[in-house]
Amino acid sequence: MEGAQMEDFRIEECENDNNTHEDSQMGESEQNNKHMEVAPALISVHPTRNSVAVAVGSDLRVFNLLEDCAVILVDEAGGASHNDSIRGIKYGANGKLFVSAGDDKLVKVWSTESWRCIATVCSEKRVSAVAISNDGLHVCFADKFGVVWVVDLPGVDETQAPLDKKAVPLLAHYCSIITSLEFSPDGHFIVSADRDFKIRVTVFPKKPLDGAHEVQSVCLGHTEFVSCLAFICTPDSPQGILVSGGGDSTVRMWDIISGSLLDTCAVGAKAQFESDTTEGNCSTVTDICTIPACTLIAVAIQSLRGIMLLSCDLSSRTLSVMKVVSIIGENFVPTSLGSSISGGLLWMVTGASKLRGSDVSSLSRVKVISGFEKSSPNASEQEPAVLVDSEIPGGAKLLEKLQGSISVDEKVFLAAADAVKTAMCNLLIKKQYSDEKREFRKRTRNDRKSKH
């Protein structure tokens, strides 16, 4: 029975590079969808706000806030750093490393001092999530087949030629697309979430190249795919308190040691009220970001023009909606959020690549919310406010680098938000096949055909 189940899962999930048509109509449709897969714009902020990075499509854009200038990426492999949509970007905990990866099956590791690519890793499948260990010695990435891979980076010398590193399997979910990877604040655990509603907490071993065999806990409670993870750091919990968001329109809080659900905050109804829409499935949580300066959690929700702020009561370990910060007068629906340890700012980006019917291959827009300063005795009494473009650190130069210089109509950004919503549903909501179609897919699998 187990073999038959694995067979069915492989048919649903396995991503072949040379797909054939199931039949002329269905095959053409699936091929067109593959080439038109919309990728959301992503943003990541250096831990101490030295720089900000935005990825949209295959384009990786970085701005140096310390030197107030755009960054020129140095990749000695030649050509573009990536040649397909980037699906994951992340700074390391100490800010010395940055990793980018995506649909071109390449994982690039960058030094944030020189912004030179110091290592390139080839993945067997398209990459869906990335993470850097807290000590900066290992890069982990997940693929769409449900495997988490690890690469060691000891003794990397910037003066040497970039390394071509080989990844080894660290752990795996049961043939399910992994949507998010995070290391716990103390670095003892790596947490992975998938589209089958599961969150797995794994002990990160002393010798990761030998595999991670100890599962600390499994967090079960979401009723739809889990889309994003983040940690709240507290003095009483060095491993941190985990928060997650998903397709069930909830943000949930977890104790990762026991895997127990601490609290659930339903954000869907509030988001629908604020977005003034009655569309179905419009309240998926697309990203969450904890604010290091306080106990607030920023939540990006499909169709919500702005962000929702949740307050976390650490003593009772509960979540509650504090307020919604709206983007007035613009079609700005955030696709990704980022913050830093210092600065009291929340960075947001909206946009997408491969947008059908648009003259622009990729577009993005950046906004910043202030009002999260550490110095405030009570963060919840602050009034977060959206900065005008001239008040954003880096000003016009930063926006020109991260957004691009092309002027885009407001309606295009709203179309991008709808396209991202559709793409996420197509990717993360499982297709249901009839018995007849399932048998047909079995017979026409590429890897089952004889080789001549």
Protein backbone atom coordinates (compact mmCIF):
# COMPACT_ATOMS: atom_id res chain seq x y z
CA MET A 1 0.00 0.00 0.00
CA GLU A 2 2.79 2.39 0.85
CA GLY A 3 4.37 1.89 -2.58
CA ALA A 4 1.07 2.61 -4.32
CA GLN A 5 0.60 5.79 -2.31
CA MET A 6 4.10 6.95 -3.13
CA GLU A 7 3.41 6.21 -6.80
CA ASP A 8 0.35 8.46 -6.77
CA PHE A 9 2.17 11.25 -4.97
CA ARG A 10 5.07 11.08 -7.39
CA ILE A 11 2.69 11.40 -10.30
CA GLU A 12 1.10 14.50 -8.78
CA GLU A 13 4.27 16.19 -7.60
CA CYS A 14 7.18 15.00 -9.73
CA GLU A 15 8.34 17.79 -11.99
CA ASN A 16 9.78 16.51 -15.27
CA ASP A 17 11.87 18.82 -17.39
CA ASN A 18 10.62 17.35 -20.69
CA ASN A 19 6.87 17.06 -20.20
CA THR A 20 4.83 15.54 -23.03
CA HIS A 21 1.22 16.30 -23.87
CA GLU A 22 -1.38 14.17 -22.13
CA ASP A 23 -3.54 15.04 -25.06
CA SER A 24 -3.36 17.96 -27.49
CA GLN A 25 -5.67 20.29 -25.54
CA MET A 26 -4.63 19.48 -21.99
CA GLY A 27 -0.94 19.27 -22.86
CA GLU A 28 -0.89 22.65 -24.59
CA SER A 29 -2.68 24.25 -21.64
CA GLU A 30 -0.25 22.82 -19.08
CA GLN A 31 2.79 23.87 -21.14
CA ASN A 32 1.45 27.42 -21.51
CA ASN A 33 0.83 27.62 -17.76
CA LYS A 34 4.36 26.45 -17.04
CA HIS A 35 5.87 29.15 -19.24
CA MET A 36 3.53 31.80 -17.82
CA GLU A 37 3.96 30.99 -14.13
CA VAL A 38 3.77 34.27 -12.28
CA ALA A 39 6.42 34.84 -9.61
CA PRO A 40 5.74 37.40 -6.84
CA ALA A 41 8.21 40.17 -6.06
CA LEU A 42 10.26 39.42 -2.92
CA ILE A 43 12.05 41.67 -0.43
CA SER A 44 14.70 41.01 2.22
CA VAL A 45 16.41 43.43 4.61
CA HIS A 46 19.91 43.16 6.09
CA PRO A 47 19.72 42.40 9.86
CA THR A 48 21.28 45.75 10.73
CA ARG A 49 19.77 47.54 7.71
CA ASN A 50 23.00 47.83 5.76
CA SER A 51 21.18 47.01 2.54
CA VAL A 52 17.85 46.01 1.02
CA ALA A 53 17.32 43.42 -1.70
CA VAL A 54 14.37 42.95 -4.05
CA ALA A 55 13.89 40.04 -6.46
CA VAL A 56 11.35 40.21 -9.26
CA GLY A 57 11.45 37.63 -11.97
CA SER A 58 15.08 36.76 -12.68
CA ASP A 59 16.23 40.23 -11.65
CA LEU A 60 18.03 40.62 -8.30
CA ARG A 61 18.27 44.27 -7.19
CA VAL A 62 20.25 45.42 -4.15
CA PHE A 63 20.70 48.89 -2.64
CA ASN A 64 23.47 49.75 -0.15
CA LEU A 65 21.91 51.95 2.55
CA LEU A 66 25.24 52.66 4.27
CA GLU A 67 26.87 54.07 1.15
CA ASP A 68 23.62 55.34 -0.38
CA CYS A 69 24.19 53.67 -3.73
CA ALA A 70 22.99 50.83 -5.93
CA VAL A 71 24.92 47.58 -5.65
CA ILE A 72 26.60 45.97 -8.65
CA LEU A 73 26.47 42.20 -8.31
CA VAL A 74 29.63 40.36 -9.32
CA ASP A 75 29.03 36.87 -10.68
CA GLU A 76 32.03 35.42 -12.45
CA ALA A 77 29.86 32.76 -14.04
CA GLY A 78 28.99 35.43 -16.60
CA GLY A 79 25.64 36.60 -17.91
CA ALA A 80 22.64 37.16 -15.67
CA SER A 81 22.89 35.89 -12.11
CA HIS A 82 19.63 34.01 -12.61
CA ASN A 83 17.89 33.17 -15.86
CA ASP A 84 14.45 32.33 -14.47
CA SER A 85 12.17 33.54 -11.70
CA ILE A 86 13.76 33.86 -8.25
CA ARG A 87 11.61 32.17 -5.59
CA GLY A 88 13.66 32.72 -2.45
CA ILE A 89 16.03 35.38 -1.08
CA LYS A 90 17.39 35.68 2.44
CA TYR A 91 20.14 37.29 4.52
CA GLY A 92 22.02 35.24 7.09
CA ALA A 93 21.55 35.98 10.79
CA ASN A 94 24.86 37.88 11.00
CA GLY A 95 24.32 39.62 7.68
CA LYS A 96 27.55 38.39 6.06
CA LEU A 97 25.86 36.09 3.55
CA PHE A 98 22.90 36.38 1.22
CA VAL A 99 21.31 33.58 -0.78
CA SER A 100 19.07 33.64 -3.85
CA ALA A 101 17.49 30.73 -5.71
CA GLY A 102 14.58 29.83 -7.94
CA ASP A 103 13.20 28.24 -11.07
CA ASP A 104 16.55 28.03 -12.89
CA LYS A 105 17.61 25.39 -10.32
CA LEU A 106 20.56 27.52 -9.24
CA VAL A 107 21.32 28.53 -5.65
CA LYS A 108 23.64 31.54 -5.44
CA VAL A 109 25.49 32.48 -2.25
CA TRP A 110 26.71 36.09 -2.07
CA SER A 111 29.09 37.92 0.23
CA THR A 112 27.32 41.08 1.43
CA GLU A 113 30.65 42.91 1.82
CA SER A 114 31.63 42.73 -1.85
CA TRP A 115 28.36 41.42 -3.32
CA ARG A 116 30.37 38.82 -5.15
CA CYS A 117 28.92 35.36 -5.77
CA ILE A 118 31.11 33.06 -3.69
CA ALA A 119 29.33 29.76 -4.37
CA THR A 120 26.89 28.31 -6.87
CA VAL A 121 24.88 25.16 -6.24
CA CYS A 122 22.92 23.25 -8.88
CA SER A 123 19.61 21.82 -7.69
CA GLU A 124 17.93 18.80 -9.22
CA LYS A 125 14.53 20.50 -9.06
CA ARG A 126 13.23 24.04 -8.98
CA VAL A 127 13.86 25.72 -5.61
CA SER A 128 10.95 26.89 -3.46
CA ALA A 129 12.59 28.15 -0.21
CA VAL A 130 16.03 29.01 1.22
CA ALA A 131 17.66 29.49 4.63
CA ILE A 132 21.12 30.13 6.09
CA SER A 133 22.23 28.56 9.37
CA ASN A 134 22.82 31.02 12.18
CA ASP A 135 26.58 30.40 12.17
CA GLY A 136 26.76 31.00 8.43
CA LEU A 137 28.37 27.62 7.76
CA HIS A 138 25.48 25.99 5.94
CA VAL A 139 22.93 26.97 3.31
CA CYS A 140 19.71 24.98 3.09
CA PHE A 141 17.22 25.02 0.25
CA ALA A 142 14.00 23.16 -0.50
CA ASP A 143 12.70 21.97 -3.83
CA LYS A 144 9.24 21.37 -5.21
CA PHE A 145 9.53 17.63 -4.72
CA GLY A 146 9.67 18.08 -0.94
CA VAL A 147 13.38 17.59 -0.25
CA VAL A 148 15.50 19.96 1.86
CA TRP A 149 19.14 20.04 0.80
CA VAL A 150 22.19 21.34 2.67
CA VAL A 151 25.50 22.78 1.47
CA ASP A 152 28.49 23.43 3.71
CA LEU A 153 30.40 26.70 3.34
CA PRO A 154 33.38 26.46 5.70
CA GLY A 155 36.50 28.40 4.80
CA VAL A 156 35.00 30.26 1.85
CA ASP A 157 37.60 32.80 0.68
CA GLU A 158 36.37 35.80 -1.30
CA THR A 159 39.70 36.06 -3.10
CA GLN A 160 39.28 32.61 -4.61
CA ALA A 161 37.18 31.64 -7.61
CA PRO A 162 33.51 30.94 -6.84
CA LEU A 163 32.93 27.43 -5.57
CA ASP A 164 30.73 24.92 -7.36
CA LYS A 165 29.28 23.19 -4.32
CA LYS A 166 27.30 19.97 -4.25
CA ALA A 167 24.24 19.68 -2.05
CA VAL A 168 23.26 16.60 -0.08
CA PRO A 169 19.77 15.71 1.22
CA LEU A 170 19.08 16.88 4.77
CA LEU A 171 15.45 15.85 5.24
CA ALA A 172 12.28 15.38 3.23
CA HIS A 173 8.55 15.87 3.44
CA TYR A 174 6.32 13.24 1.90
CA CYS A 175 6.46 14.43 -1.73
CA SER A 176 4.92 17.79 -0.82
CA ILE A 177 6.02 21.22 -2.02
CA ILE A 178 7.93 22.95 0.78
CA THR A 179 6.82 26.57 1.02
CA SER A 180 9.02 28.03 3.77
CA LEU A 181 12.25 27.33 5.68
CA GLU A 182 13.39 29.01 8.90
CA PHE A 183 16.11 28.42 11.50
CA SER A 184 15.11 28.94 15.12
CA PRO A 185 16.73 31.96 16.85
CA ASP A 186 19.09 29.68 18.81
CA GLY A 187 20.01 27.76 15.66
CA HIS A 188 19.13 24.38 17.15
CA PHE A 189 16.17 23.68 14.87
CA ILE A 190 15.25 24.03 11.23
CA VAL A 191 11.53 24.43 10.56
CA SER A 192 9.92 23.51 7.24
CA ALA A 193 6.34 24.04 6.08
CA ASP A 194 4.52 22.47 3.18
CA ARG A 195 1.36 22.62 1.11
CA ASP A 196 -0.11 19.60 2.92
CA PHE A 197 -0.86 21.69 6.04
CA LYS A 198 2.21 20.43 7.96
CA ILE A 199 4.99 22.20 9.84
CA ARG A 200 7.97 20.03 10.75
CA VAL A 201 10.48 21.01 13.44
CA THR A 202 13.78 19.15 12.96
CA VAL A 203 16.87 19.17 15.16
CA PHE A 204 19.66 20.67 13.06
CA PRO A 205 22.52 18.16 13.52
CA LYS A 206 26.16 18.87 14.29
CA LYS A 207 27.05 17.09 11.06
CA PRO A 208 24.34 18.19 8.62
CA LEU A 209 25.94 16.44 5.66
CA ASP A 210 25.05 13.14 7.33
CA GLY A 211 21.35 14.09 7.33
CA ALA A 212 18.89 15.30 9.96
CA HIS A 213 17.24 12.27 11.52
CA GLU A 214 15.72 13.68 14.73
CA VAL A 215 12.28 15.24 14.44
CA GLN A 216 11.53 17.44 17.44
CA SER A 217 7.83 17.94 16.68
CA VAL A 218 5.20 18.27 13.99
CA CYS A 219 2.83 21.23 14.24
CA LEU A 220 -0.62 20.28 12.97
CA GLY A 221 -3.60 22.62 12.89
CA HIS A 222 -3.74 24.48 9.58
CA THR A 223 -6.58 23.32 7.35
CA GLU A 224 -5.02 24.57 4.11
CA PHE A 225 -1.47 24.97 2.83
CA VAL A 226 1.06 26.72 5.07
CA SER A 227 2.52 29.65 3.16
CA CYS A 228 4.96 31.36 5.53
CA LEU A 229 6.85 31.09 8.83
CA ALA A 230 8.50 33.53 11.24
CA PHE A 231 9.87 33.56 14.79
CA ILE A 232 9.16 35.80 17.76
CA CYS A 233 12.30 36.09 19.89
CA THR A 234 11.80 36.16 23.65
CA PRO A 235 14.24 36.03 26.59
CA ASP A 236 12.24 33.19 28.15
CA SER A 237 12.26 31.06 24.98
CA PRO A 238 15.71 31.01 23.34
CA GLN A 239 14.32 28.75 20.61
CA GLY A 240 11.65 31.38 19.91
CA ILE A 241 7.90 31.21 19.42
CA LEU A 242 6.86 30.18 15.92
CA VAL A 243 4.12 31.91 13.97
CA SER A 244 2.72 30.67 10.67
CA GLY A 245 0.26 31.82 8.04
CA GLY A 246 -1.62 29.89 5.41
CA GLY A 247 -4.39 29.41 2.91
CA ASP A 248 -6.95 28.96 5.69
CA SER A 249 -6.86 32.72 6.43
CA THR A 250 -5.29 32.24 9.85
CA VAL A 251 -2.09 33.12 11.66
CA ARG A 252 -1.17 30.50 14.24
CA MET A 253 1.30 30.50 17.13
CA TRP A 254 3.24 27.38 18.15
CA ASP A 255 5.46 25.92 20.84
CA ILE A 256 8.04 24.17 18.65
CA ILE A 257 9.39 21.96 21.46
CA SER A 258 6.08 20.18 21.96
CA GLY A 259 4.48 21.09 18.63
CA SER A 260 1.41 22.36 20.48
CA LEU A 261 -0.81 25.08 19.05
CA LEU A 262 -0.80 28.07 21.39
CA ASP A 263 -3.31 30.32 19.64
CA THR A 264 -5.08 30.96 16.35
CA CYS A 265 -5.96 34.37 14.94
CA ALA A 266 -8.53 34.36 12.12
CA VAL A 267 -7.58 37.28 9.88
CA GLY A 268 -9.84 36.52 6.91
CA ALA A 269 -13.01 38.31 7.99
CA LYS A 270 -11.15 41.47 8.99
CA ALA A 271 -9.19 41.45 5.72
CA GLN A 272 -12.35 41.07 3.63
CA PHE A 273 -13.98 43.95 5.47
CA GLU A 274 -10.97 46.19 4.94
CA SER A 275 -10.53 45.21 1.28
CA ASP A 276 -14.24 45.73 0.60
CA THR A 277 -14.51 42.59 -1.53
CA THR A 278 -16.69 39.53 -1.47
CA GLU A 279 -14.36 37.38 -3.60
CA GLY A 280 -13.83 33.82 -2.49
CA ASN A 281 -10.39 32.72 -1.37
CA CYS A 282 -9.15 36.31 -1.09
CA SER A 283 -7.73 36.08 2.42
CA THR A 284 -4.76 33.77 2.05
CA VAL A 285 -1.85 34.91 4.22
CA THR A 286 0.98 35.48 1.74
CA ASP A 287 3.72 36.59 4.16
CA ILE A 288 4.32 37.37 7.81
CA CYS A 289 7.10 39.37 9.41
CA THR A 290 7.86 39.75 13.09
CA ILE A 291 9.00 43.20 14.19
CA PRO A 292 12.18 42.71 16.28
CA ALA A 293 11.68 45.95 18.20
CA CYS A 294 8.35 44.89 19.69
CA THR A 295 5.83 42.07 19.90
CA LEU A 296 3.96 42.99 16.74
CA ILE A 297 3.53 40.77 13.71
CA ALA A 298 2.94 42.24 10.25
CA VAL A 299 0.72 40.15 7.98
CA ALA A 300 0.31 40.45 4.21
CA ILE A 301 -3.02 39.10 2.96
CA GLN A 302 -4.26 38.65 -0.59
CA SER A 303 -6.52 41.52 -1.73
CA LEU A 304 -5.64 43.66 1.32
CA ARG A 305 -4.13 46.99 0.25
CA GLY A 306 -1.80 47.35 3.18
CA ILE A 307 -0.84 45.13 6.10
CA MET A 308 -2.54 43.81 9.22
CA LEU A 309 -0.75 44.18 12.55
CA LEU A 310 -1.21 41.47 15.16
CA SER A 311 -0.26 41.92 18.79
CA CYS A 312 1.35 39.03 20.65
CA ASP A 313 0.84 38.79 24.40
CA LEU A 314 3.89 36.85 25.56
CA SER A 315 2.59 36.21 29.06
CA SER A 316 -0.63 34.53 27.91
CA ARG A 317 0.81 33.51 24.51
CA THR A 318 -2.14 34.82 22.56
CA LEU A 319 -2.59 36.71 19.29
CA SER A 320 -5.04 39.48 18.51
CA VAL A 321 -5.65 41.90 15.65
CA MET A 322 -4.35 45.33 16.62
CA LYS A 323 -5.01 47.37 13.48
CA VAL A 324 -4.82 47.51 9.72
CA VAL A 325 -2.39 49.95 8.11
CA SER A 326 -3.86 50.79 4.73
CA ILE A 327 -2.10 52.10 1.65
CA ILE A 328 -4.42 54.94 0.72
CA GLY A 329 -5.05 55.80 -2.90
CA GLU A 330 -2.85 53.09 -4.46
CA ASN A 331 -3.30 49.54 -5.67
CA PHE A 332 -0.56 48.27 -3.36
CA VAL A 333 -1.14 44.69 -2.23
CA PRO A 334 2.14 43.50 -0.63
CA THR A 335 3.62 40.27 -1.91
CA SER A 336 6.54 40.19 0.56
CA LEU A 337 7.60 41.83 3.84
CA GLY A 338 10.95 42.46 5.54
CA SER A 339 12.37 44.10 8.64
CA SER A 340 15.71 44.51 10.43
CA ILE A 341 16.91 44.36 14.01
CA SER A 342 17.51 48.11 13.99
CA GLY A 343 15.65 50.99 12.46
CA GLY A 344 12.01 50.38 13.45
CA LEU A 345 10.89 50.06 9.83
CA LEU A 346 8.79 47.53 7.95
CA TRP A 347 9.66 47.17 4.28
CA MET A 348 7.10 45.96 1.73
CA VAL A 349 7.14 45.16 -1.96
CA THR A 350 4.41 44.45 -4.46
CA GLY A 351 4.80 43.21 -8.00
CA ALA A 352 5.25 40.17 -10.18
CA SER A 353 7.07 38.75 -13.18
CA LYS A 354 5.74 37.17 -16.37
CA LEU A 355 2.54 39.16 -16.11
CA ARG A 356 0.29 38.20 -19.02
CA GLY A 357 -0.87 41.12 -21.15
CA SER A 358 1.64 43.61 -19.71
CA ASP A 359 4.31 45.47 -21.66
CA VAL A 360 6.63 45.10 -18.67
CA SER A 361 8.21 41.68 -18.08
CA SER A 362 8.62 42.35 -14.36
CA LEU A 363 7.48 45.14 -12.10
CA SER A 364 7.79 46.07 -8.45
CA ARG A 365 7.01 48.89 -6.06
CA VAL A 366 8.47 49.43 -2.59
CA LYS A 367 6.80 50.98 0.46
CA VAL A 368 8.00 51.46 4.04
CA ILE A 369 6.04 51.75 7.30
CA SER A 370 7.63 53.49 10.28
CA GLY A 371 6.65 53.59 13.95
CA PHE A 372 8.25 50.48 15.42
CA GLU A 373 11.15 52.07 17.29
CA LYS A 374 12.73 50.14 20.16
CA SER A 375 12.91 53.22 22.33
CA SER A 376 9.16 53.36 22.74
CA PRO A 377 8.11 52.03 26.17
CA ASN A 378 4.90 50.64 24.69
CA ALA A 379 5.06 49.71 21.02
CA SER A 380 1.34 49.12 20.83
CA GLU A 381 0.70 52.85 21.53
CA GLN A 382 2.68 53.92 18.48
CA GLU A 383 0.95 54.93 15.30
CA PRO A 384 2.60 53.14 12.37
CA ALA A 385 2.56 55.33 9.28
CA VAL A 386 3.33 54.75 5.62
CA LEU A 387 6.31 56.89 4.58
CA VAL A 388 6.08 59.01 1.46
CA ASP A 389 8.71 58.21 -1.14
CA SER A 390 10.98 61.10 -0.16
CA GLU A 391 11.10 59.87 3.47
CA ILE A 392 12.20 56.33 2.61
CA PRO A 393 15.89 55.68 3.44
CA GLY A 394 17.82 55.95 0.21
CA GLY A 395 15.09 58.11 -1.32
CA ALA A 396 14.77 58.37 -5.08
CA LYS A 397 18.00 56.46 -5.76
CA LEU A 398 16.82 53.45 -3.79
CA LEU A 399 13.40 53.45 -5.44
CA GLU A 400 14.90 53.75 -8.92
CA LYS A 401 17.10 50.73 -8.23
CA LEU A 402 14.55 48.50 -6.50
CA GLN A 403 11.50 49.49 -8.54
CA GLY A 404 13.07 50.26 -11.87
CA SER A 405 12.70 53.52 -13.76
CA ILE A 406 9.66 52.49 -15.84
CA SER A 407 6.41 54.20 -14.93
CA VAL A 408 3.61 51.65 -14.55
CA ASP A 409 -0.12 52.29 -14.39
CA GLU A 410 -1.82 51.60 -11.05
CA LYS A 411 -4.18 49.08 -12.65
CA VAL A 412 -1.22 46.93 -13.67
CA PHE A 413 -0.23 46.44 -10.05
CA LEU A 414 -3.77 45.37 -9.19
CA ALA A 415 -3.61 42.91 -12.09
CA ALA A 416 -0.28 41.67 -10.72
CA ALA A 417 -1.85 41.02 -7.32
CA ASP A 418 -4.63 38.99 -8.95
CA ALA A 419 -2.09 37.06 -11.03
CA VAL A 420 -0.03 36.22 -7.93
CA LYS A 421 -3.20 35.03 -6.18
CA THR A 422 -4.07 32.73 -9.07
CA ALA A 423 -0.50 31.44 -9.33
CA MET A 424 -0.38 30.61 -5.62
CA CYS A 425 -3.65 28.70 -5.82
CA ASN A 426 -2.50 26.77 -8.90
CA LEU A 427 0.76 25.86 -7.20
CA LEU A 428 -0.37 25.05 -3.67
CA ILE A 429 -3.91 23.73 -4.00
CA LYS A 430 -3.74 20.08 -5.02
CA LYS A 431 -5.16 19.07 -8.36
CA GLN A 432 -7.85 16.40 -8.16
CA TYR A 433 -7.73 13.77 -10.88
CA SER A 434 -10.33 11.23 -11.89
CA ASP A 435 -9.34 7.57 -11.85
CA GLU A 436 -9.27 7.56 -15.64
CA LYS A 437 -7.01 10.59 -15.87
CA ARG A 438 -4.74 9.27 -13.12
CA GLU A 439 -4.24 6.04 -15.07
CA PHE A 440 -3.55 8.04 -18.22
CA ARG A 441 -0.91 10.10 -16.41
CA LYS A 442 0.73 6.91 -15.18
CA ARG A 443 0.95 5.52 -18.71
CA THR A 444 2.39 8.71 -20.22
CA ARG A 445 5.02 9.56 -17.60
CA ASN A 446 8.36 10.46 -19.19
CA ASP A 447 10.41 8.49 -16.69
CA ARG A 448 8.43 5.33 -17.47
CA LYS A 449 9.13 5.41 -21.19
CA SER A 450 11.73 3.10 -22.66
CA LYS A 451 14.91 4.69 -23.90
CA HIS A 452 16.09 3.88 -27.40
